[in-house]
Amino acid sequence: MDFYAVWVCIKVFFHDLLFPYNKLKIKTLDRHYHEVDDLMLHACFQLFVNFYENEYIKHDHEIDTEKYFTEMVNKGYPEDFLKIDIIEIENKNKIHRSFVELYTWWTRIRPNRVKAHSEDSSFIDWDSDDEEDQIMLTKLLELRSCLWT
C-alpha cells in the first residue's frame, strides 16, 4: 500500500470520527446483517424516537379545548372565530396522541411482544408481527409532515 492510500484511509477515519453528521445509530439492531425491510423499519422508528425524545417531548402539546374556548370567550374573542382555532387544536391533539401511541408501541410494547406460536411449537408465525409492524410504520409515515417543533 502506498503512502497516498494510507493517508486517505487515515483522513477518512478521522473525518468520520470528528464529523459524525448524517449518521444514524440504530439502537434496536445489533451489528449483524439485517434485511433491507428490517433496516427501513428500524431506521424510520429510530429517527422518530430521536425526534420525540430530543425535540418533541420538550414542549407541552396537549391542550384542553373547552378551557381554551372559555378563556378566549372571556377575553372577548368572537365564538365563530374561535371555532376555527378549536378545530386546529383538536387536530394537533390527535397528532399528539398518535405520536404518544407510536412512541409507546415502539419503545415498550414491541420489544416485549411474545412471538405467536402455531400448533407446531417449533414454528413461529412471523406474519402477524410483520402485519403489526407494517400498520405502525404506515401510521408513522402518514405523520411524516408533522415531525417538526
Protein backbone atom coordinates (compact mmCIF):
# COMPACT_ATOMS: atom_id res chain seq x y z
CA MET A 1 0.00 0.00 0.00
CA ASP A 2 1.44 3.32 -0.95
CA PHE A 3 1.63 6.47 1.14
CA TYR A 4 -1.36 8.13 -0.56
CA ALA A 5 -3.68 5.18 0.17
CA VAL A 6 -2.66 5.17 3.84
CA TRP A 7 -3.18 8.92 4.03
CA VAL A 8 -6.69 8.62 2.54
CA CYS A 9 -7.63 5.85 5.00
CA ILE A 10 -6.42 7.89 7.96
CA LYS A 11 -8.17 11.03 6.70
CA VAL A 12 -11.49 9.21 6.21
CA PHE A 13 -11.23 7.56 9.64
CA PHE A 14 -10.58 10.83 11.49
CA HIS A 15 -13.12 12.74 9.42
CA ASP A 16 -15.84 10.24 10.34
CA LEU A 17 -14.71 10.32 13.96
CA LEU A 18 -14.65 14.13 14.23
CA PHE A 19 -17.64 14.89 12.00
CA PRO A 20 -20.31 12.22 12.55
CA TYR A 21 -23.01 14.08 10.66
CA ASN A 22 -25.78 12.35 8.73
CA LYS A 23 -25.19 9.09 10.52
CA LEU A 24 -28.00 7.22 12.18
CA LYS A 25 -27.18 4.89 15.03
CA ILE A 26 -29.99 2.37 15.17
CA LYS A 27 -30.15 1.33 18.82
CA THR A 28 -32.62 -1.51 18.31
CA LEU A 29 -30.41 -3.54 15.94
CA ASP A 30 -27.25 -5.46 16.67
CA ARG A 31 -24.15 -5.38 14.48
CA HIS A 32 -25.15 -8.29 12.25
CA TYR A 33 -26.62 -8.46 8.79
CA HIS A 34 -30.27 -7.39 8.51
CA GLU A 35 -32.61 -7.41 5.57
CA VAL A 36 -33.48 -4.06 3.99
CA ASP A 37 -37.11 -4.19 5.14
CA ASP A 38 -35.98 -4.55 8.77
CA LEU A 39 -33.41 -1.79 8.33
CA MET A 40 -36.08 0.52 6.93
CA LEU A 41 -38.48 -0.19 9.81
CA HIS A 42 -35.83 0.32 12.48
CA ALA A 43 -34.30 3.38 10.78
CA CYS A 44 -37.67 5.13 10.46
CA PHE A 45 -38.55 4.47 14.07
CA GLN A 46 -35.07 5.47 15.27
CA LEU A 47 -35.49 8.81 13.52
CA PHE A 48 -38.91 9.16 15.15
CA VAL A 49 -37.58 8.25 18.61
CA ASN A 50 -34.71 10.74 18.22
CA PHE A 51 -37.21 13.44 17.26
CA TYR A 52 -39.63 12.54 20.06
CA GLU A 53 -37.02 12.36 22.83
CA ASN A 54 -34.81 15.26 21.74
CA GLU A 55 -37.28 17.80 20.36
CA TYR A 56 -40.94 16.96 20.75
CA ILE A 57 -41.10 15.99 24.42
CA LYS A 58 -39.65 19.36 25.48
CA HIS A 59 -42.89 21.13 24.57
CA ASP A 60 -46.38 20.92 26.06
CA HIS A 61 -48.66 19.67 23.31
CA GLU A 62 -51.98 18.58 24.79
CA ILE A 63 -54.44 21.49 25.00
CA ASP A 64 -57.81 21.36 26.75
CA THR A 65 -60.16 22.78 24.09
CA GLU A 66 -63.02 23.59 26.47
CA LYS A 67 -60.75 25.52 28.81
CA TYR A 68 -59.16 27.37 25.87
CA PHE A 69 -62.57 28.24 24.40
CA THR A 70 -63.87 29.57 27.75
CA GLU A 71 -60.75 31.68 28.34
CA MET A 72 -60.87 33.23 24.88
CA VAL A 73 -64.61 34.00 25.08
CA ASN A 74 -64.00 35.68 28.45
CA LYS A 75 -61.28 37.78 26.81
CA GLY A 76 -63.78 38.97 24.23
CA TYR A 77 -62.93 36.92 21.15
CA PRO A 78 -65.95 36.06 18.94
CA GLU A 79 -67.15 32.46 19.14
CA ASP A 80 -67.24 31.99 15.36
CA PHE A 81 -63.57 32.95 15.14
CA LEU A 82 -62.68 30.54 17.94
CA LYS A 83 -64.37 27.55 16.29
CA ILE A 84 -61.61 27.54 13.67
CA ASP A 85 -59.00 27.54 16.45
CA ILE A 86 -60.77 24.68 18.23
CA ILE A 87 -60.70 22.54 15.07
CA GLU A 88 -56.98 23.23 14.66
CA ILE A 89 -56.31 22.43 18.33
CA GLU A 90 -58.26 19.17 18.08
CA ASN A 91 -56.17 18.19 15.04
CA LYS A 92 -52.97 18.94 16.97
CA ASN A 93 -54.23 16.91 19.93
CA LYS A 94 -54.98 13.99 17.58
CA ILE A 95 -51.45 14.17 16.18
CA HIS A 96 -50.04 14.32 19.71
CA ARG A 97 -51.98 11.21 20.72
CA SER A 98 -50.69 9.44 17.60
CA PHE A 99 -47.10 10.37 18.50
CA VAL A 100 -47.55 9.03 22.01
CA GLU A 101 -49.12 5.83 20.66
CA LEU A 102 -46.27 5.24 18.20
CA TYR A 103 -43.58 6.01 20.76
CA THR A 104 -45.16 3.75 23.38
CA TRP A 105 -45.61 0.93 20.89
CA TRP A 106 -42.01 1.12 19.63
CA THR A 107 -40.28 1.55 23.00
CA ARG A 108 -42.46 -0.56 25.30
CA ILE A 109 -44.93 -2.84 23.53
CA ARG A 110 -42.99 -4.08 20.51
CA PRO A 111 -39.79 -5.05 22.36
CA ASN A 112 -41.83 -7.11 24.83
CA ARG A 113 -44.22 -8.84 22.46
CA VAL A 114 -44.27 -12.59 22.52
CA LYS A 115 -43.88 -14.36 19.21
CA ALA A 116 -47.12 -16.01 18.15
CA HIS A 117 -46.64 -19.78 18.01
CA SER A 118 -48.71 -22.07 15.88
CA GLU A 119 -49.82 -25.54 16.92
CA ASP A 120 -46.39 -26.83 15.95
CA SER A 121 -44.24 -25.40 18.74
CA SER A 122 -41.17 -25.27 16.51
CA PHE A 123 -42.81 -22.83 14.08
CA ILE A 124 -43.07 -19.11 14.84
CA ASP A 125 -45.70 -17.11 13.00
CA TRP A 126 -43.75 -14.06 11.80
CA ASP A 127 -46.59 -12.80 9.60
CA SER A 128 -48.68 -11.47 12.49
CA ASP A 129 -45.71 -9.41 13.71
CA ASP A 130 -45.00 -8.17 10.19
CA GLU A 131 -48.61 -7.01 9.81
CA GLU A 132 -48.45 -5.04 13.04
CA ASP A 133 -45.08 -3.56 12.08
CA GLN A 134 -46.47 -2.53 8.69
CA ILE A 135 -49.53 -0.87 10.24
CA MET A 136 -47.44 1.14 12.68
CA LEU A 137 -44.84 2.09 10.05
CA THR A 138 -47.68 3.30 7.81
CA LYS A 139 -49.04 5.42 10.68
CA LEU A 140 -45.59 6.91 11.20
CA LEU A 141 -45.14 7.73 7.53
CA GLU A 142 -48.59 9.36 7.42
CA LEU A 143 -47.40 11.68 10.20
CA ARG A 144 -44.09 12.50 8.48
CA SER A 145 -45.08 16.08 7.65
CA CYS A 146 -45.94 16.69 11.33
CA LEU A 147 -42.44 15.84 12.59
CA TRP A 148 -41.34 19.34 13.47
CA THR A 149 -41.50 21.54 16.57
